[in-house]
């Protein structure tokens, strides 16, 4: 549920606004009737395990360079590529 609230009212009732946001409410803060800010609930991102990170890196490498180990630095140097 999104509500608009003026800056003075937001300042005056900030504690109440934070409680509402904790319960899922959104607030658009206005100044002279124009939106200037939005207060929304914070979403905690899931931390990834080390193995998940490694798997994602391997997948990215496959997409952009081919299979892991397919790029040989020595061959690239001998061909004159940096």
PDB file of N, CA and C in Angstrom:
ATOM      1  N   UNK A   1       0.847  -1.176   0.000  1.00  0.00           N
ATOM      2  CA  UNK A   1       0.000   0.000   0.000  1.00  0.00           C
ATOM      3  C   UNK A   1       0.895   1.243   0.000  1.00  0.00           C
ATOM      4  N   UNK A   2       0.746   2.095  -1.009  1.00  0.00           N
ATOM      5  CA  UNK A   2       1.596   3.275  -1.154  1.00  0.00           C
ATOM      6  C   UNK A   2       0.826   4.521  -0.736  1.00  0.00           C
ATOM      7  N   UNK A   3       1.474   5.330   0.115  1.00  0.00           N
ATOM      8  CA  UNK A   3       0.829   6.547   0.600  1.00  0.00           C
ATOM      9  C   UNK A   3       1.719   7.738   0.315  1.00  0.00           C
ATOM     10  N   UNK A   4       1.108   8.883   0.042  1.00  0.00           N
ATOM     11  CA  UNK A   4       1.868  10.121  -0.120  1.00  0.00           C
ATOM     12  C   UNK A   4       1.799  10.905   1.179  1.00  0.00           C
ATOM     13  N   UNK A   5       2.920  11.506   1.536  1.00  0.00           N
ATOM     14  CA  UNK A   5       2.987  12.257   2.779  1.00  0.00           C
ATOM     15  C   UNK A   5       3.935  13.437   2.582  1.00  0.00           C
ATOM     16  N   UNK A   6       3.581  14.584   3.113  1.00  0.00           N
ATOM     17  CA  UNK A   6       4.423  15.770   2.993  1.00  0.00           C
ATOM     18  C   UNK A   6       5.643  15.689   3.891  1.00  0.00           C
ATOM     19  N   UNK A   7       6.650  16.499   3.582  1.00  0.00           N
ATOM     20  CA  UNK A   7       7.901  16.453   4.350  1.00  0.00           C
ATOM     21  C   UNK A   7       7.697  16.805   5.820  1.00  0.00           C
ATOM     22  N   UNK A   8       6.863  17.797   6.113  1.00  0.00           N
ATOM     23  CA  UNK A   8       6.646  18.173   7.510  1.00  0.00           C
ATOM     24  C   UNK A   8       5.999  17.029   8.278  1.00  0.00           C
ATOM     25  N   UNK A   9       4.964  16.430   7.691  1.00  0.00           N
ATOM     26  CA  UNK A   9       4.279  15.319   8.351  1.00  0.00           C
ATOM     27  C   UNK A   9       5.214  14.116   8.487  1.00  0.00           C
ATOM     28  N   UNK A  10       6.029  13.882   7.472  1.00  0.00           N
ATOM     29  CA  UNK A  10       6.980  12.764   7.533  1.00  0.00           C
ATOM     30  C   UNK A  10       7.969  12.956   8.677  1.00  0.00           C
ATOM     31  N   UNK A  11       8.456  14.194   8.828  1.00  0.00           N
ATOM     32  CA  UNK A  11       9.403  14.495   9.912  1.00  0.00           C
ATOM     33  C   UNK A  11       8.731  14.317  11.272  1.00  0.00           C
ATOM     34  N   UNK A  12       7.508  14.801  11.367  1.00  0.00           N
ATOM     35  CA  UNK A  12       6.785  14.758  12.633  1.00  0.00           C
ATOM     36  C   UNK A  12       6.436  13.340  13.055  1.00  0.00           C
ATOM     37  N   UNK A  13       6.111  12.485  12.077  1.00  0.00           N
ATOM     38  CA  UNK A  13       5.637  11.124  12.378  1.00  0.00           C
ATOM     39  C   UNK A  13       6.591  10.048  11.867  1.00  0.00           C
ATOM     40  N   UNK A  14       7.888  10.358  11.857  1.00  0.00           N
ATOM     41  CA  UNK A  14       8.860   9.436  11.271  1.00  0.00           C
ATOM     42  C   UNK A  14       8.839   8.054  11.930  1.00  0.00           C
ATOM     43  N   UNK A  15       8.755   7.995  13.246  1.00  0.00           N
ATOM     44  CA  UNK A  15       8.741   6.699  13.942  1.00  0.00           C
ATOM     45  C   UNK A  15       7.555   5.846  13.492  1.00  0.00           C
ATOM     46  N   UNK A  16       6.410   6.471  13.361  1.00  0.00           N
ATOM     47  CA  UNK A  16       5.210   5.750  12.917  1.00  0.00           C
ATOM     48  C   UNK A  16       5.378   5.271  11.465  1.00  0.00           C
ATOM     49  N   UNK A  17       5.973   6.118  10.625  1.00  0.00           N
ATOM     50  CA  UNK A  17       6.191   5.736   9.223  1.00  0.00           C
ATOM     51  C   UNK A  17       7.097   4.514   9.153  1.00  0.00           C
ATOM     52  N   UNK A  18       8.161   4.511   9.948  1.00  0.00           N
ATOM     53  CA  UNK A  18       9.083   3.362   9.958  1.00  0.00           C
ATOM     54  C   UNK A  18       8.360   2.094  10.387  1.00  0.00           C
ATOM     55  N   UNK A  19       7.501   2.167  11.385  1.00  0.00           N
ATOM     56  CA  UNK A  19       6.721   0.999  11.811  1.00  0.00           C
ATOM     57  C   UNK A  19       5.843   0.497  10.672  1.00  0.00           C
ATOM     58  N   UNK A  20       5.214   1.429   9.960  1.00  0.00           N
ATOM     59  CA  UNK A  20       4.353   1.044   8.830  1.00  0.00           C
ATOM     60  C   UNK A  20       5.173   0.378   7.725  1.00  0.00           C
ATOM     61  N   UNK A  21       6.358   0.913   7.461  1.00  0.00           N
ATOM     62  CA  UNK A  21       7.223   0.345   6.424  1.00  0.00           C
ATOM     63  C   UNK A  21       7.660  -1.061   6.821  1.00  0.00           C
ATOM     64  N   UNK A  22       7.942  -1.270   8.098  1.00  0.00           N
ATOM     65  CA  UNK A  22       8.293  -2.618   8.572  1.00  0.00           C
ATOM     66  C   UNK A  22       7.172  -3.605   8.297  1.00  0.00           C
ATOM     67  N   UNK A  23       5.941  -3.108   8.261  1.00  0.00           N
ATOM     68  CA  UNK A  23       4.778  -3.959   8.000  1.00  0.00           C
ATOM     69  C   UNK A  23       4.411  -4.013   6.518  1.00  0.00           C
ATOM     70  N   UNK A  24       5.281  -3.457   5.643  1.00  0.00           N
ATOM     71  CA  UNK A  24       5.078  -3.600   4.211  1.00  0.00           C
ATOM     72  C   UNK A  24       4.564  -2.369   3.481  1.00  0.00           C
ATOM     73  N   UNK A  25       4.316  -1.263   4.176  1.00  0.00           N
ATOM     74  CA  UNK A  25       3.801  -0.059   3.522  1.00  0.00           C
ATOM     75  C   UNK A  25       4.908   0.680   2.778  1.00  0.00           C
ATOM     76  N   UNK A  26       4.526   1.431   1.745  1.00  0.00           N
ATOM     77  CA  UNK A  26       5.432   2.317   0.999  1.00  0.00           C
ATOM     78  C   UNK A  26       4.957   3.740   1.202  1.00  0.00           C
ATOM     79  N   UNK A  27       5.888   4.666   1.271  1.00  0.00           N
ATOM     80  CA  UNK A  27       5.535   6.076   1.395  1.00  0.00           C
ATOM     81  C   UNK A  27       6.284   6.874   0.347  1.00  0.00           C
ATOM     82  N   UNK A  28       5.579   7.778  -0.304  1.00  0.00           N
ATOM     83  CA  UNK A  28       6.207   8.757  -1.187  1.00  0.00           C
ATOM     84  C   UNK A  28       6.206  10.069  -0.422  1.00  0.00           C
ATOM     85  N   UNK A  29       7.384  10.633  -0.239  1.00  0.00           N
ATOM     86  CA  UNK A  29       7.523  11.902   0.467  1.00  0.00           C
ATOM     87  C   UNK A  29       7.433  13.016  -0.574  1.00  0.00           C
ATOM     88  N   UNK A  30       6.563  13.986  -0.319  1.00  0.00           N
ATOM     89  CA  UNK A  30       6.387  15.091  -1.251  1.00  0.00           C
ATOM     90  C   UNK A  30       6.848  16.399  -0.624  1.00  0.00           C
ATOM     91  N   UNK A  31       7.282  17.306  -1.484  1.00  0.00           N
ATOM     92  CA  UNK A  31       7.659  18.651  -1.057  1.00  0.00           C
ATOM     93  C   UNK A  31       6.908  19.608  -1.982  1.00  0.00           C
ATOM     94  N   UNK A  32       5.995  20.365  -1.373  1.00  0.00           N
ATOM     95  CA  UNK A  32       5.113  21.261  -2.136  1.00  0.00           C
ATOM     96  C   UNK A  32       4.347  20.506  -3.215  1.00  0.00           C
ATOM     97  N   UNK A  33       3.937  19.293  -2.860  1.00  0.00           N
ATOM     98  CA  UNK A  33       3.113  18.485  -3.752  1.00  0.00           C
ATOM     99  C   UNK A  33       3.869  17.667  -4.780  1.00  0.00           C
ATOM    100  N   UNK A  34       5.180  17.816  -4.849  1.00  0.00           N
ATOM    101  CA  UNK A  34       5.973  17.061  -5.824  1.00  0.00           C
ATOM    102  C   UNK A  34       6.732  15.941  -5.124  1.00  0.00           C
ATOM    103  N   UNK A  35       6.687  14.728  -5.682  1.00  0.00           N
ATOM    104  CA  UNK A  35       7.422  13.604  -5.082  1.00  0.00           C
ATOM    105  C   UNK A  35       8.928  13.870  -5.067  1.00  0.00           C
ATOM    106  N   UNK A  36       9.561  13.636  -3.915  1.00  0.00           N
ATOM    107  CA  UNK A  36      11.009  13.824  -3.803  1.00  0.00           C
ATOM    108  C   UNK A  36      11.739  12.591  -3.277  1.00  0.00           C
ATOM    109  N   UNK A  37      11.024  11.687  -2.620  1.00  0.00           N
ATOM    110  CA  UNK A  37      11.674  10.496  -2.065  1.00  0.00           C
ATOM    111  C   UNK A  37      10.640   9.398  -1.879  1.00  0.00           C
ATOM    112  N   UNK A  38      11.147   8.191  -1.731  1.00  0.00           N
ATOM    113  CA  UNK A  38      10.270   7.047  -1.485  1.00  0.00           C
ATOM    114  C   UNK A  38      10.884   6.217  -0.367  1.00  0.00           C
ATOM    115  N   UNK A  39      10.066   5.834   0.593  1.00  0.00           N
ATOM    116  CA  UNK A  39      10.509   4.955   1.678  1.00  0.00           C
ATOM    117  C   UNK A  39       9.826   3.615   1.461  1.00  0.00           C
ATOM    118  N   UNK A  40      10.640   2.579   1.289  1.00  0.00           N
ATOM    119  CA  UNK A  40      10.116   1.241   1.031  1.00  0.00           C
ATOM    120  C   UNK A  40      10.789   0.254   1.976  1.00  0.00           C
ATOM    121  N   UNK A  41      10.181  -0.918   2.184  1.00  0.00           N
ATOM    122  CA  UNK A  41      10.807  -1.923   3.051  1.00  0.00           C
ATOM    123  C   UNK A  41      12.146  -2.389   2.472  1.00  0.00           C
ATOM    124  N   UNK A  42      13.097  -2.636   3.349  1.00  0.00           N
ATOM    125  CA  UNK A  42      14.397  -3.153   2.953  1.00  0.00           C
ATOM    126  C   UNK A  42      14.277  -4.637   2.703  1.00  0.00           C
ATOM    127  N   UNK A  43      14.825  -5.086   1.576  1.00  0.00           N
ATOM    128  CA  UNK A  43      14.789  -6.510   1.242  1.00  0.00           C
ATOM    129  C   UNK A  43      16.188  -7.075   1.413  1.00  0.00           C
ATOM    130  N   UNK A  44      16.347  -7.982   2.334  1.00  0.00           N
ATOM    131  CA  UNK A  44      17.645  -8.612   2.584  1.00  0.00           C
ATOM    132  C   UNK A  44      17.943  -9.600   1.472  1.00  0.00           C
ATOM    133  N   UNK A  45      19.078  -9.433   0.842  1.00  0.00           N
ATOM    134  CA  UNK A  45      19.483 -10.341  -0.217  1.00  0.00           C
ATOM    135  C   UNK A  45      20.023 -11.634   0.394  1.00  0.00           C
ATOM    136  N   UNK A  46      19.773 -12.727  -0.284  1.00  0.00           N
ATOM    137  CA  UNK A  46      20.270 -14.020   0.176  1.00  0.00           C
ATOM    138  C   UNK A  46      21.773 -14.084  -0.069  1.00  0.00           C
ATOM    139  N   UNK A  47      22.514 -14.470   0.951  1.00  0.00           N
ATOM    140  CA  UNK A  47      23.948 -14.634   0.769  1.00  0.00           C
ATOM    141  C   UNK A  47      24.212 -15.938   0.037  1.00  0.00           C
ATOM    142  N   UNK A  48      25.140 -15.869  -0.882  1.00  0.00           N
ATOM    143  CA  UNK A  48      25.434 -17.053  -1.669  1.00  0.00           C
ATOM    144  C   UNK A  48      26.612 -17.795  -1.053  1.00  0.00           C
ATOM    145  N   UNK A  49      26.584 -19.102  -1.162  1.00  0.00           N
ATOM    146  CA  UNK A  49      27.689 -19.911  -0.647  1.00  0.00           C
ATOM    147  C   UNK A  49      28.880 -19.800  -1.593  1.00  0.00           C
ATOM    148  N   UNK A  50      30.008 -20.215  -1.124  1.00  0.00           N
ATOM    149  CA  UNK A  50      31.218 -20.187  -1.951  1.00  0.00           C
ATOM    150  C   UNK A  50      31.031 -21.046  -3.205  1.00  0.00           C
ATOM    151  N   UNK A  51      30.412 -22.209  -3.049  1.00  0.00           N
ATOM    152  CA  UNK A  51      30.205 -23.097  -4.200  1.00  0.00           C
ATOM    153  C   UNK A  51      29.250 -22.466  -5.224  1.00  0.00           C
ATOM    154  N   UNK A  52      28.197 -21.800  -4.747  1.00  0.00           N
ATOM    155  CA  UNK A  52      27.275 -21.127  -5.665  1.00  0.00           C
ATOM    156  C   UNK A  52      27.999 -20.039  -6.454  1.00  0.00           C
ATOM    157  N   UNK A  53      28.885 -19.317  -5.785  1.00  0.00           N
ATOM    158  CA  UNK A  53      29.646 -18.263  -6.462  1.00  0.00           C
ATOM    159  C   UNK A  53      30.571 -18.858  -7.520  1.00  0.00           C
ATOM    160  N   UNK A  54      31.228 -19.943  -7.181  1.00  0.00           N
ATOM    161  CA  UNK A  54      32.124 -20.604  -8.134  1.00  0.00           C
ATOM    162  C   UNK A  54      31.339 -21.107  -9.340  1.00  0.00           C
ATOM    163  N   UNK A  55      30.184 -21.716  -9.093  1.00  0.00           N
ATOM    164  CA  UNK A  55      29.350 -22.214 -10.190  1.00  0.00           C
ATOM    165  C   UNK A  55      28.909 -21.079 -11.106  1.00  0.00           C
ATOM    166  N   UNK A  56      28.546 -19.946 -10.524  1.00  0.00           N
ATOM    167  CA  UNK A  56      28.136 -18.807 -11.348  1.00  0.00           C
ATOM    168  C   UNK A  56      29.303 -18.282 -12.175  1.00  0.00           C
ATOM    169  N   UNK A  57      30.493 -18.229 -11.595  1.00  0.00           N
ATOM    170  CA  UNK A  57      31.666 -17.783 -12.348  1.00  0.00           C
ATOM    171  C   UNK A  57      31.984 -18.720 -13.504  1.00  0.00           C
ATOM    172  N   UNK A  58      31.867 -20.020 -13.279  1.00  0.00           N
ATOM    173  CA  UNK A  58      32.113 -20.999 -14.339  1.00  0.00           C
ATOM    174  C   UNK A  58      31.092 -20.818 -15.461  1.00  0.00           C
ATOM    175  N   UNK A  59      29.833 -20.623 -15.109  1.00  0.00           N
ATOM    176  CA  UNK A  59      28.795 -20.403 -16.120  1.00  0.00           C
ATOM    177  C   UNK A  59      29.060 -19.133 -16.921  1.00  0.00           C
ATOM    178  N   UNK A  60      29.471 -18.066 -16.253  1.00  0.00           N
ATOM    179  CA  UNK A  60      29.783 -16.824 -16.963  1.00  0.00           C
ATOM    180  C   UNK A  60      30.957 -17.033 -17.918  1.00  0.00           C
ATOM    181  N   UNK A  61      31.950 -17.757 -17.456  1.00  0.00           N
ATOM    182  CA  UNK A  61      33.120 -17.998 -18.302  1.00  0.00           C
ATOM    183  C   UNK A  61      32.736 -18.813 -19.529  1.00  0.00           C
ATOM    184  N   UNK A  62      31.865 -19.801 -19.354  1.00  0.00           N
ATOM    185  CA  UNK A  62      31.405 -20.591 -20.502  1.00  0.00           C
ATOM    186  C   UNK A  62      30.705 -19.700 -21.519  1.00  0.00           C
ATOM    187  N   UNK A  63      29.880 -18.795 -21.020  1.00  0.00           N
ATOM    188  CA  UNK A  63      29.137 -17.908 -21.912  1.00  0.00           C
ATOM    189  C   UNK A  63      30.045 -16.977 -22.692  1.00  0.00           C
ATOM    190  N   UNK A  64      31.094 -16.493 -22.066  1.00  0.00           N
ATOM    191  CA  UNK A  64      31.907 -15.463 -22.690  1.00  0.00           C
ATOM    192  C   UNK A  64      33.234 -15.938 -23.262  1.00  0.00           C
ATOM    193  N   UNK A  65      33.707 -17.117 -22.877  1.00  0.00           N
ATOM    194  CA  UNK A  65      35.024 -17.569 -23.351  1.00  0.00           C
ATOM    195  C   UNK A  65      35.072 -19.027 -23.739  1.00  0.00           C
ATOM    196  N   UNK A  66      34.039 -19.753 -23.578  1.00  0.00           N
ATOM    197  CA  UNK A  66      34.092 -21.180 -23.854  1.00  0.00           C
ATOM    198  C   UNK A  66      34.297 -21.970 -22.577  1.00  0.00           C
ATOM    199  N   UNK A  67      34.611 -23.232 -22.721  1.00  0.00           N
ATOM    200  CA  UNK A  67      34.775 -24.116 -21.567  1.00  0.00           C
ATOM    201  C   UNK A  67      35.977 -23.693 -20.728  1.00  0.00           C
ATOM    202  N   UNK A  68      35.896 -23.892 -19.388  1.00  0.00           N
ATOM    203  CA  UNK A  68      37.053 -23.590 -18.538  1.00  0.00           C
ATOM    204  C   UNK A  68      38.275 -24.356 -19.034  1.00  0.00           C
ATOM    205  N   UNK A  69      39.401 -23.675 -19.099  1.00  0.00           N
ATOM    206  CA  UNK A  69      40.631 -24.314 -19.555  1.00  0.00           C
ATOM    207  C   UNK A  69      40.833 -24.244 -21.056  1.00  0.00           C
ATOM    208  N   UNK A  70      39.852 -23.723 -21.803  1.00  0.00           N
ATOM    209  CA  UNK A  70      39.987 -23.680 -23.254  1.00  0.00           C
ATOM    210  C   UNK A  70      40.881 -22.539 -23.727  1.00  0.00           C
ATOM    211  N   UNK A  71      41.097 -21.540 -22.883  1.00  0.00           N
ATOM    212  CA  UNK A  71      41.964 -20.418 -23.243  1.00  0.00           C
ATOM    213  C   UNK A  71      43.364 -20.707 -22.727  1.00  0.00           C
ATOM    214  N   UNK A  72      44.324 -20.719 -23.623  1.00  0.00           N
ATOM    215  CA  UNK A  72      45.693 -21.010 -23.249  1.00  0.00           C
ATOM    216  C   UNK A  72      46.518 -19.740 -23.414  1.00  0.00           C
ATOM    217  N   UNK A  73      47.003 -19.201 -22.317  1.00  0.00           N
ATOM    218  CA  UNK A  73      47.748 -17.950 -22.341  1.00  0.00           C
ATOM    219  C   UNK A  73      49.033 -18.079 -23.150  1.00  0.00           C
ATOM    220  N   UNK A  74      49.708 -19.206 -23.058  1.00  0.00           N
ATOM    221  CA  UNK A  74      50.962 -19.413 -23.791  1.00  0.00           C
ATOM    222  C   UNK A  74      50.703 -19.338 -25.298  1.00  0.00           C
ATOM    223  N   UNK A  75      49.640 -19.989 -25.787  1.00  0.00           N
ATOM    224  CA  UNK A  75      49.311 -19.943 -27.214  1.00  0.00           C
ATOM    225  C   UNK A  75      48.992 -18.511 -27.653  1.00  0.00           C
ATOM    226  N   UNK A  76      48.286 -17.766 -26.819  1.00  0.00           N
ATOM    227  CA  UNK A  76      47.938 -16.383 -27.151  1.00  0.00           C
ATOM    228  C   UNK A  76      49.197 -15.529 -27.270  1.00  0.00           C
ATOM    229  N   UNK A  77      50.157 -15.730 -26.380  1.00  0.00           N
ATOM    230  CA  UNK A  77      51.420 -14.972 -26.426  1.00  0.00           C
ATOM    231  C   UNK A  77      52.190 -15.321 -27.691  1.00  0.00           C
ATOM    232  N   UNK A  78      52.249 -16.618 -28.014  1.00  0.00           N
ATOM    233  CA  UNK A  78      52.980 -17.052 -29.217  1.00  0.00           C
ATOM    234  C   UNK A  78      52.344 -16.514 -30.494  1.00  0.00           C
ATOM    235  N   UNK A  79      51.017 -16.316 -30.483  1.00  0.00           N
ATOM    236  CA  UNK A  79      50.334 -15.751 -31.642  1.00  0.00           C
ATOM    237  C   UNK A  79      50.515 -14.250 -31.732  1.00  0.00           C
ATOM    238  N   UNK A  80      51.055 -13.653 -30.683  1.00  0.00           N
ATOM    239  CA  UNK A  80      51.264 -12.218 -30.666  1.00  0.00           C
ATOM    240  C   UNK A  80      50.096 -11.436 -30.123  1.00  0.00           C
ATOM    241  N   UNK A  81      49.156 -12.115 -29.503  1.00  0.00           N
ATOM    242  CA  UNK A  81      48.025 -11.418 -28.899  1.00  0.00           C
ATOM    243  C   UNK A  81      48.342 -11.119 -27.447  1.00  0.00           C
ATOM    244  N   UNK A  82      47.830 -10.004 -26.951  1.00  0.00           N
ATOM    245  CA  UNK A  82      48.074  -9.678 -25.523  1.00  0.00           C
ATOM    246  C   UNK A  82      47.320 -10.600 -24.584  1.00  0.00           C
TER     247      UNK A  82
END
